[in-house]
Amino acid sequence: MATATLVGPTADHVLDRTLLGSLLWAVAEKDSGLQHVSVAARPGRTDVVLFYTGASPCAAEAAGADLCRRALWAATQLDGWRLRSGPR
């Protein structure tokens, strides 16, 4: 399992959770072991939980961060959003 937090361009901006889930699946590599994506959106931030099969916790966290970065880079709908670094 991996968790990530995306921070919005403004404190009141809310990201469409269905859109983000679809974008994450679209940029996921087929052999990544990704099994499930959960997205919780609230003003100014969106929390993502990604479930991977066969991955160590460290490998899952790295894969989850990479997946979120790829989605942020690939989709103009996510302009202004960034991956939060550090403790959640």
PDB file of N, CA and C in Angstrom:
ATOM      1  N   MET A   1       0.837  -1.170   0.000  1.00  0.00           N
ATOM      2  CA  MET A   1       0.000   0.000   0.000  1.00  0.00           C
ATOM      3  C   MET A   1       0.890   1.244   0.000  1.00  0.00           C
ATOM      4  N   ALA A   2       0.451   2.254  -0.736  1.00  0.00           N
ATOM      5  CA  ALA A   2       1.150   3.534  -0.784  1.00  0.00           C
ATOM      6  C   ALA A   2       0.132   4.643  -0.562  1.00  0.00           C
ATOM      7  N   THR A   3       0.575   5.702   0.086  1.00  0.00           N
ATOM      8  CA  THR A   3      -0.277   6.871   0.265  1.00  0.00           C
ATOM      9  C   THR A   3       0.434   8.092  -0.288  1.00  0.00           C
ATOM     10  N   ALA A   4      -0.355   9.039  -0.765  1.00  0.00           N
ATOM     11  CA  ALA A   4       0.200  10.284  -1.293  1.00  0.00           C
ATOM     12  C   ALA A   4      -0.820  11.393  -1.069  1.00  0.00           C
ATOM     13  N   THR A   5      -0.318  12.599  -0.946  1.00  0.00           N
ATOM     14  CA  THR A   5      -1.187  13.770  -0.825  1.00  0.00           C
ATOM     15  C   THR A   5      -0.812  14.755  -1.919  1.00  0.00           C
ATOM     16  N   LEU A   6      -1.811  15.168  -2.668  1.00  0.00           N
ATOM     17  CA  LEU A   6      -1.631  16.208  -3.671  1.00  0.00           C
ATOM     18  C   LEU A   6      -2.169  17.508  -3.093  1.00  0.00           C
ATOM     19  N   VAL A   7      -1.410  18.568  -3.260  1.00  0.00           N
ATOM     20  CA  VAL A   7      -1.782  19.874  -2.729  1.00  0.00           C
ATOM     21  C   VAL A   7      -2.191  20.764  -3.893  1.00  0.00           C
ATOM     22  N   GLY A   8      -3.321  21.425  -3.724  1.00  0.00           N
ATOM     23  CA  GLY A   8      -3.885  22.226  -4.802  1.00  0.00           C
ATOM     24  C   GLY A   8      -3.265  23.592  -4.972  1.00  0.00           C
ATOM     25  N   PRO A   9      -3.600  24.230  -6.079  1.00  0.00           N
ATOM     26  CA  PRO A   9      -3.072  25.563  -6.370  1.00  0.00           C
ATOM     27  C   PRO A   9      -3.601  26.629  -5.413  1.00  0.00           C
ATOM     28  N   THR A  10      -4.793  26.395  -4.849  1.00  0.00           N
ATOM     29  CA  THR A  10      -5.361  27.301  -3.853  1.00  0.00           C
ATOM     30  C   THR A  10      -5.978  26.464  -2.742  1.00  0.00           C
ATOM     31  N   ALA A  11      -6.187  27.088  -1.594  1.00  0.00           N
ATOM     32  CA  ALA A  11      -6.713  26.368  -0.436  1.00  0.00           C
ATOM     33  C   ALA A  11      -8.162  25.916  -0.619  1.00  0.00           C
ATOM     34  N   ASP A  12      -8.877  26.510  -1.566  1.00  0.00           N
ATOM     35  CA  ASP A  12     -10.279  26.134  -1.749  1.00  0.00           C
ATOM     36  C   ASP A  12     -10.537  25.298  -3.004  1.00  0.00           C
ATOM     37  N   HIS A  13      -9.494  25.023  -3.773  1.00  0.00           N
ATOM     38  CA  HIS A  13      -9.654  24.250  -5.008  1.00  0.00           C
ATOM     39  C   HIS A  13      -9.895  22.772  -4.665  1.00  0.00           C
ATOM     40  N   VAL A  14     -10.930  22.184  -5.269  1.00  0.00           N
ATOM     41  CA  VAL A  14     -11.246  20.775  -5.038  1.00  0.00           C
ATOM     42  C   VAL A  14     -11.059  20.014  -6.345  1.00  0.00           C
ATOM     43  N   LEU A  15     -10.271  18.965  -6.295  1.00  0.00           N
ATOM     44  CA  LEU A  15     -10.004  18.138  -7.464  1.00  0.00           C
ATOM     45  C   LEU A  15     -11.091  17.075  -7.595  1.00  0.00           C
ATOM     46  N   ASP A  16     -11.533  16.829  -8.798  1.00  0.00           N
ATOM     47  CA  ASP A  16     -12.528  15.786  -9.055  1.00  0.00           C
ATOM     48  C   ASP A  16     -11.886  14.424  -8.803  1.00  0.00           C
ATOM     49  N   ARG A  17     -12.371  13.720  -7.791  1.00  0.00           N
ATOM     50  CA  ARG A  17     -11.730  12.450  -7.404  1.00  0.00           C
ATOM     51  C   ARG A  17     -11.866  11.365  -8.471  1.00  0.00           C
ATOM     52  N   THR A  18     -12.967  11.371  -9.199  1.00  0.00           N
ATOM     53  CA  THR A  18     -13.148  10.392 -10.271  1.00  0.00           C
ATOM     54  C   THR A  18     -12.152  10.656 -11.401  1.00  0.00           C
ATOM     55  N   LEU A  19     -11.969  11.923 -11.720  1.00  0.00           N
ATOM     56  CA  LEU A  19     -10.993  12.295 -12.745  1.00  0.00           C
ATOM     57  C   LEU A  19      -9.593  11.840 -12.340  1.00  0.00           C
ATOM     58  N   LEU A  20      -9.187  12.145 -11.111  1.00  0.00           N
ATOM     59  CA  LEU A  20      -7.846  11.754 -10.680  1.00  0.00           C
ATOM     60  C   LEU A  20      -7.685  10.240 -10.696  1.00  0.00           C
ATOM     61  N   GLY A  21      -8.668   9.510 -10.220  1.00  0.00           N
ATOM     62  CA  GLY A  21      -8.586   8.050 -10.252  1.00  0.00           C
ATOM     63  C   GLY A  21      -8.399   7.534 -11.665  1.00  0.00           C
ATOM     64  N   SER A  22      -9.139   8.084 -12.603  1.00  0.00           N
ATOM     65  CA  SER A  22      -9.011   7.677 -14.007  1.00  0.00           C
ATOM     66  C   SER A  22      -7.634   8.021 -14.572  1.00  0.00           C
ATOM     67  N   LEU A  23      -7.130   9.199 -14.212  1.00  0.00           N
ATOM     68  CA  LEU A  23      -5.804   9.597 -14.688  1.00  0.00           C
ATOM     69  C   LEU A  23      -4.714   8.685 -14.136  1.00  0.00           C
ATOM     70  N   LEU A  24      -4.825   8.325 -12.863  1.00  0.00           N
ATOM     71  CA  LEU A  24      -3.832   7.427 -12.266  1.00  0.00           C
ATOM     72  C   LEU A  24      -3.833   6.066 -12.969  1.00  0.00           C
ATOM     73  N   TRP A  25      -5.019   5.532 -13.237  1.00  0.00           N
ATOM     74  CA  TRP A  25      -5.090   4.254 -13.957  1.00  0.00           C
ATOM     75  C   TRP A  25      -4.527   4.392 -15.368  1.00  0.00           C
ATOM     76  N   ALA A  26      -4.768   5.533 -16.001  1.00  0.00           N
ATOM     77  CA  ALA A  26      -4.311   5.729 -17.380  1.00  0.00           C
ATOM     78  C   ALA A  26      -2.792   5.758 -17.491  1.00  0.00           C
ATOM     79  N   VAL A  27      -2.113   6.294 -16.480  1.00  0.00           N
ATOM     80  CA  VAL A  27      -0.650   6.386 -16.549  1.00  0.00           C
ATOM     81  C   VAL A  27       0.055   5.230 -15.848  1.00  0.00           C
ATOM     82  N   ALA A  28      -0.709   4.339 -15.218  1.00  0.00           N
ATOM     83  CA  ALA A  28      -0.111   3.188 -14.525  1.00  0.00           C
ATOM     84  C   ALA A  28       0.459   2.200 -15.537  1.00  0.00           C
ATOM     85  N   GLU A  29       1.599   1.644 -15.200  1.00  0.00           N
ATOM     86  CA  GLU A  29       2.197   0.611 -16.047  1.00  0.00           C
ATOM     87  C   GLU A  29       1.456  -0.702 -15.810  1.00  0.00           C
ATOM     88  N   LYS A  30       1.225  -1.430 -16.884  1.00  0.00           N
ATOM     89  CA  LYS A  30       0.415  -2.650 -16.803  1.00  0.00           C
ATOM     90  C   LYS A  30       0.980  -3.693 -15.836  1.00  0.00           C
ATOM     91  N   ASP A  31       2.290  -3.781 -15.713  1.00  0.00           N
ATOM     92  CA  ASP A  31       2.897  -4.796 -14.840  1.00  0.00           C
ATOM     93  C   ASP A  31       3.332  -4.229 -13.481  1.00  0.00           C
ATOM     94  N   SER A  32       2.746  -3.098 -13.071  1.00  0.00           N
ATOM     95  CA  SER A  32       3.150  -2.446 -11.817  1.00  0.00           C
ATOM     96  C   SER A  32       2.630  -3.144 -10.568  1.00  0.00           C
ATOM     97  N   GLY A  33       1.608  -3.980 -10.726  1.00  0.00           N
ATOM     98  CA  GLY A  33       0.999  -4.623  -9.568  1.00  0.00           C
ATOM     99  C   GLY A  33      -0.089  -3.781  -8.920  1.00  0.00           C
ATOM    100  N   LEU A  34      -0.431  -2.642  -9.532  1.00  0.00           N
ATOM    101  CA  LEU A  34      -1.487  -1.789  -8.991  1.00  0.00           C
ATOM    102  C   LEU A  34      -2.817  -2.545  -9.057  1.00  0.00           C
ATOM    103  N   GLN A  35      -3.507  -2.605  -7.906  1.00  0.00           N
ATOM    104  CA  GLN A  35      -4.764  -3.338  -7.832  1.00  0.00           C
ATOM    105  C   GLN A  35      -5.973  -2.459  -7.541  1.00  0.00           C
ATOM    106  N   HIS A  36      -5.748  -1.381  -6.785  1.00  0.00           N
ATOM    107  CA  HIS A  36      -6.886  -0.555  -6.359  1.00  0.00           C
ATOM    108  C   HIS A  36      -6.402   0.866  -6.111  1.00  0.00           C
ATOM    109  N   VAL A  37      -7.252   1.831  -6.459  1.00  0.00           N
ATOM    110  CA  VAL A  37      -6.959   3.245  -6.236  1.00  0.00           C
ATOM    111  C   VAL A  37      -8.123   3.849  -5.456  1.00  0.00           C
ATOM    112  N   SER A  38      -7.809   4.543  -4.374  1.00  0.00           N
ATOM    113  CA  SER A  38      -8.814   5.252  -3.591  1.00  0.00           C
ATOM    114  C   SER A  38      -8.406   6.723  -3.512  1.00  0.00           C
ATOM    115  N   VAL A  39      -9.366   7.615  -3.768  1.00  0.00           N
ATOM    116  CA  VAL A  39      -9.082   9.046  -3.785  1.00  0.00           C
ATOM    117  C   VAL A  39     -10.098   9.762  -2.901  1.00  0.00           C
ATOM    118  N   ALA A  40      -9.597  10.604  -2.001  1.00  0.00           N
ATOM    119  CA  ALA A  40     -10.453  11.427  -1.142  1.00  0.00           C
ATOM    120  C   ALA A  40     -10.089  12.892  -1.382  1.00  0.00           C
ATOM    121  N   ALA A  41     -11.021  13.633  -1.944  1.00  0.00           N
ATOM    122  CA  ALA A  41     -10.765  15.037  -2.281  1.00  0.00           C
ATOM    123  C   ALA A  41     -11.426  15.950  -1.259  1.00  0.00           C
ATOM    124  N   ARG A  42     -10.700  16.996  -0.901  1.00  0.00           N
ATOM    125  CA  ARG A  42     -11.214  18.047  -0.027  1.00  0.00           C
ATOM    126  C   ARG A  42     -10.583  19.357  -0.470  1.00  0.00           C
ATOM    127  N   PRO A  43     -11.111  20.469  -0.040  1.00  0.00           N
ATOM    128  CA  PRO A  43     -10.552  21.750  -0.493  1.00  0.00           C
ATOM    129  C   PRO A  43      -9.041  21.849  -0.225  1.00  0.00           C
ATOM    130  N   GLY A  44      -8.298  22.128  -1.290  1.00  0.00           N
ATOM    131  CA  GLY A  44      -6.864  22.360  -1.180  1.00  0.00           C
ATOM    132  C   GLY A  44      -5.978  21.138  -1.139  1.00  0.00           C
ATOM    133  N   ARG A  45      -6.562  19.946  -1.013  1.00  0.00           N
ATOM    134  CA  ARG A  45      -5.735  18.739  -0.968  1.00  0.00           C
ATOM    135  C   ARG A  45      -6.544  17.524  -1.390  1.00  0.00           C
ATOM    136  N   THR A  46      -5.830  16.543  -1.883  1.00  0.00           N
ATOM    137  CA  THR A  46      -6.441  15.281  -2.270  1.00  0.00           C
ATOM    138  C   THR A  46      -5.540  14.161  -1.780  1.00  0.00           C
ATOM    139  N   ASP A  47      -6.115  13.235  -1.035  1.00  0.00           N
ATOM    140  CA  ASP A  47      -5.368  12.095  -0.516  1.00  0.00           C
ATOM    141  C   ASP A  47      -5.619  10.886  -1.395  1.00  0.00           C
ATOM    142  N   VAL A  48      -4.538  10.173  -1.695  1.00  0.00           N
ATOM    143  CA  VAL A  48      -4.596   9.013  -2.579  1.00  0.00           C
ATOM    144  C   VAL A  48      -4.043   7.809  -1.838  1.00  0.00           C
ATOM    145  N   VAL A  49      -4.743   6.685  -1.944  1.00  0.00           N
ATOM    146  CA  VAL A  49      -4.244   5.418  -1.419  1.00  0.00           C
ATOM    147  C   VAL A  49      -4.190   4.449  -2.590  1.00  0.00           C
ATOM    148  N   LEU A  50      -3.028   3.837  -2.775  1.00  0.00           N
ATOM    149  CA  LEU A  50      -2.803   2.913  -3.890  1.00  0.00           C
ATOM    150  C   LEU A  50      -2.433   1.551  -3.318  1.00  0.00           C
ATOM    151  N   PHE A  51      -3.125   0.516  -3.755  1.00  0.00           N
ATOM    152  CA  PHE A  51      -2.850  -0.830  -3.285  1.00  0.00           C
ATOM    153  C   PHE A  51      -2.113  -1.601  -4.375  1.00  0.00           C
ATOM    154  N   TYR A  52      -0.960  -2.143  -4.008  1.00  0.00           N
ATOM    155  CA  TYR A  52      -0.121  -2.918  -4.924  1.00  0.00           C
ATOM    156  C   TYR A  52      -0.018  -4.354  -4.422  1.00  0.00           C
ATOM    157  N   THR A  53       0.051  -5.300  -5.341  1.00  0.00           N
ATOM    158  CA  THR A  53       0.282  -6.690  -4.954  1.00  0.00           C
ATOM    159  C   THR A  53       1.762  -7.006  -5.096  1.00  0.00           C
ATOM    160  N   GLY A  54       2.256  -7.816  -4.185  1.00  0.00           N
ATOM    161  CA  GLY A  54       3.624  -8.318  -4.285  1.00  0.00           C
ATOM    162  C   GLY A  54       4.715  -7.297  -4.078  1.00  0.00           C
ATOM    163  N   ALA A  55       4.398  -6.125  -3.567  1.00  0.00           N
ATOM    164  CA  ALA A  55       5.411  -5.091  -3.387  1.00  0.00           C
ATOM    165  C   ALA A  55       5.691  -4.897  -1.902  1.00  0.00           C
ATOM    166  N   SER A  56       6.951  -4.692  -1.584  1.00  0.00           N
ATOM    167  CA  SER A  56       7.295  -4.359  -0.207  1.00  0.00           C
ATOM    168  C   SER A  56       6.728  -2.968   0.094  1.00  0.00           C
ATOM    169  N   PRO A  57       6.559  -2.622   1.361  1.00  0.00           N
ATOM    170  CA  PRO A  57       6.051  -1.280   1.671  1.00  0.00           C
ATOM    171  C   PRO A  57       6.895  -0.163   1.058  1.00  0.00           C
ATOM    172  N   CYS A  58       8.195  -0.338   1.083  1.00  0.00           N
ATOM    173  CA  CYS A  58       9.088   0.686   0.515  1.00  0.00           C
ATOM    174  C   CYS A  58       8.905   0.779  -1.005  1.00  0.00           C
ATOM    175  N   ALA A  59       8.827  -0.356  -1.670  1.00  0.00           N
ATOM    176  CA  ALA A  59       8.650  -0.375  -3.119  1.00  0.00           C
ATOM    177  C   ALA A  59       7.288   0.193  -3.504  1.00  0.00           C
ATOM    178  N   ALA A  60       6.255  -0.102  -2.709  1.00  0.00           N
ATOM    179  CA  ALA A  60       4.918   0.422  -2.990  1.00  0.00           C
ATOM    180  C   ALA A  60       4.896   1.942  -2.852  1.00  0.00           C
ATOM    181  N   GLU A  61       5.534   2.477  -1.812  1.00  0.00           N
ATOM    182  CA  GLU A  61       5.583   3.939  -1.625  1.00  0.00           C
ATOM    183  C   GLU A  61       6.296   4.613  -2.792  1.00  0.00           C
ATOM    184  N   ALA A  62       7.415   4.031  -3.222  1.00  0.00           N
ATOM    185  CA  ALA A  62       8.158   4.600  -4.347  1.00  0.00           C
ATOM    186  C   ALA A  62       7.331   4.549  -5.630  1.00  0.00           C
ATOM    187  N   ALA A  63       6.668   3.415  -5.865  1.00  0.00           N
ATOM    188  CA  ALA A  63       5.837   3.272  -7.063  1.00  0.00           C
ATOM    189  C   ALA A  63       4.657   4.239  -7.019  1.00  0.00           C
ATOM    190  N   GLY A  64       4.062   4.422  -5.848  1.00  0.00           N
ATOM    191  CA  GLY A  64       2.933   5.336  -5.709  1.00  0.00           C
ATOM    192  C   GLY A  64       3.327   6.785  -5.972  1.00  0.00           C
ATOM    193  N   ALA A  65       4.460   7.196  -5.435  1.00  0.00           N
ATOM    194  CA  ALA A  65       4.939   8.569  -5.668  1.00  0.00           C
ATOM    195  C   ALA A  65       5.241   8.773  -7.146  1.00  0.00           C
ATOM    196  N   ASP A  66       5.874   7.781  -7.763  1.00  0.00           N
ATOM    197  CA  ASP A  66       6.186   7.877  -9.189  1.00  0.00           C
ATOM    198  C   ASP A  66       4.910   7.968 -10.024  1.00  0.00           C
ATOM    199  N   LEU A  67       3.919   7.172  -9.686  1.00  0.00           N
ATOM    200  CA  LEU A  67       2.650   7.189 -10.409  1.00  0.00           C
ATOM    201  C   LEU A  67       1.980   8.562 -10.297  1.00  0.00           C
ATOM    202  N   CYS A  68       1.955   9.124  -9.105  1.00  0.00           N
ATOM    203  CA  CYS A  68       1.355  10.448  -8.921  1.00  0.00           C
ATOM    204  C   CYS A  68       2.120  11.509  -9.699  1.00  0.00           C
ATOM    205  N   ARG A  69       3.438  11.438  -9.704  1.00  0.00           N
ATOM    206  CA  ARG A  69       4.233  12.403 -10.474  1.00  0.00           C
ATOM    207  C   ARG A  69       3.941  12.296 -11.966  1.00  0.00           C
ATOM    208  N   ARG A  70       3.805  11.064 -12.469  1.00  0.00           N
ATOM    209  CA  ARG A  70       3.495  10.879 -13.890  1.00  0.00           C
ATOM    210  C   ARG A  70       2.129  11.477 -14.225  1.00  0.00           C
ATOM    211  N   ALA A  71       1.150  11.280 -13.346  1.00  0.00           N
ATOM    212  CA  ALA A  71      -0.185  11.850 -13.592  1.00  0.00           C
ATOM    213  C   ALA A  71      -0.131  13.371 -13.569  1.00  0.00           C
ATOM    214  N   LEU A  72       0.604  13.936 -12.613  1.00  0.00           N
ATOM    215  CA  LEU A  72       0.724  15.398 -12.537  1.00  0.00           C
ATOM    216  C   LEU A  72       1.381  15.963 -13.787  1.00  0.00           C
ATOM    217  N   TRP A  73       2.368  15.271 -14.300  1.00  0.00           N
ATOM    218  CA  TRP A  73       3.087  15.720 -15.489  1.00  0.00           C
ATOM    219  C   TRP A  73       2.246  15.576 -16.754  1.00  0.00           C
ATOM    220  N   ALA A  74       1.446  14.503 -16.811  1.00  0.00           N
ATOM    221  CA  ALA A  74       0.749  14.146 -18.043  1.00  0.00           C
ATOM    222  C   ALA A  74      -0.575  14.884 -18.269  1.00  0.00           C
ATOM    223  N   ALA A  75      -1.200  15.356 -17.210  1.00  0.00           N
ATOM    224  CA  ALA A  75      -2.564  15.870 -17.352  1.00  0.00           C
ATOM    225  C   ALA A  75      -2.658  17.365 -17.076  1.00  0.00           C
ATOM    226  N   THR A  76      -3.120  18.101 -18.057  1.00  0.00           N
ATOM    227  CA  THR A  76      -3.285  19.549 -17.865  1.00  0.00           C
ATOM    228  C   THR A  76      -4.356  19.847 -16.813  1.00  0.00           C
ATOM    229  N   GLN A  77      -5.270  18.908 -16.577  1.00  0.00           N
ATOM    230  CA  GLN A  77      -6.302  19.103 -15.553  1.00  0.00           C
ATOM    231  C   GLN A  77      -5.690  19.228 -14.157  1.00  0.00           C
ATOM    232  N   LEU A  78      -4.436  18.806 -14.019  1.00  0.00           N
ATOM    233  CA  LEU A  78      -3.771  18.849 -12.717  1.00  0.00           C
ATOM    234  C   LEU A  78      -2.766  19.995 -12.607  1.00  0.00           C
ATOM    235  N   ASP A  79      -2.815  20.921 -13.564  1.00  0.00           N
ATOM    236  CA  ASP A  79      -1.917  22.088 -13.504  1.00  0.00           C
ATOM    237  C   ASP A  79      -2.091  22.799 -12.165  1.00  0.00           C
ATOM    238  N   GLY A  80      -0.988  23.123 -11.531  1.00  0.00           N
ATOM    239  CA  GLY A  80      -1.015  23.816 -10.249  1.00  0.00           C
ATOM    240  C   GLY A  80      -1.026  22.899  -9.047  1.00  0.00           C
ATOM    241  N   TRP A  81      -1.327  21.628  -9.272  1.00  0.00           N
ATOM    242  CA  TRP A  81      -1.289  20.649  -8.178  1.00  0.00           C
ATOM    243  C   TRP A  81       0.130  20.106  -8.058  1.00  0.00           C
ATOM    244  N   ARG A  82       0.514  19.703  -6.834  1.00  0.00           N
ATOM    245  CA  ARG A  82       1.847  19.147  -6.614  1.00  0.00           C
ATOM    246  C   ARG A  82       1.775  18.032  -5.593  1.00  0.00           C
ATOM    247  N   LEU A  83       2.752  17.166  -5.645  1.00  0.00           N
ATOM    248  CA  LEU A  83       2.856  16.071  -4.689  1.00  0.00           C
ATOM    249  C   LEU A  83       3.474  16.617  -3.419  1.00  0.00           C
ATOM    250  N   ARG A  84       2.807  16.420  -2.316  1.00  0.00           N
ATOM    251  CA  ARG A  84       3.311  16.885  -1.016  1.00  0.00           C
ATOM    252  C   ARG A  84       4.475  16.007  -0.604  1.00  0.00           C
ATOM    253  N   SER A  85       5.541  16.630  -0.152  1.00  0.00           N
ATOM    254  CA  SER A  85       6.680  15.853   0.325  1.00  0.00           C
ATOM    255  C   SER A  85       6.710  15.888   1.849  1.00  0.00           C
ATOM    256  N   GLY A  86       7.393  14.918   2.415  1.00  0.00           N
ATOM    257  CA  GLY A  86       7.531  14.868   3.864  1.00  0.00           C
ATOM    258  C   GLY A  86       6.381  14.126   4.514  1.00  0.00           C
ATOM    259  N   PRO A  87       6.354  14.122   5.848  1.00  0.00           N
ATOM    260  CA  PRO A  87       5.308  13.386   6.590  1.00  0.00           C
ATOM    261  C   PRO A  87       3.916  13.921   6.283  1.00  0.00           C
ATOM    262  N   ARG A  88       2.967  13.022   6.322  1.00  0.00           N
ATOM    263  CA  ARG A  88       1.575  13.395   6.058  1.00  0.00           C
ATOM    264  C   ARG A  88       0.932  13.787   7.345  1.00  0.00           C
TER     265      ARG A  88
END
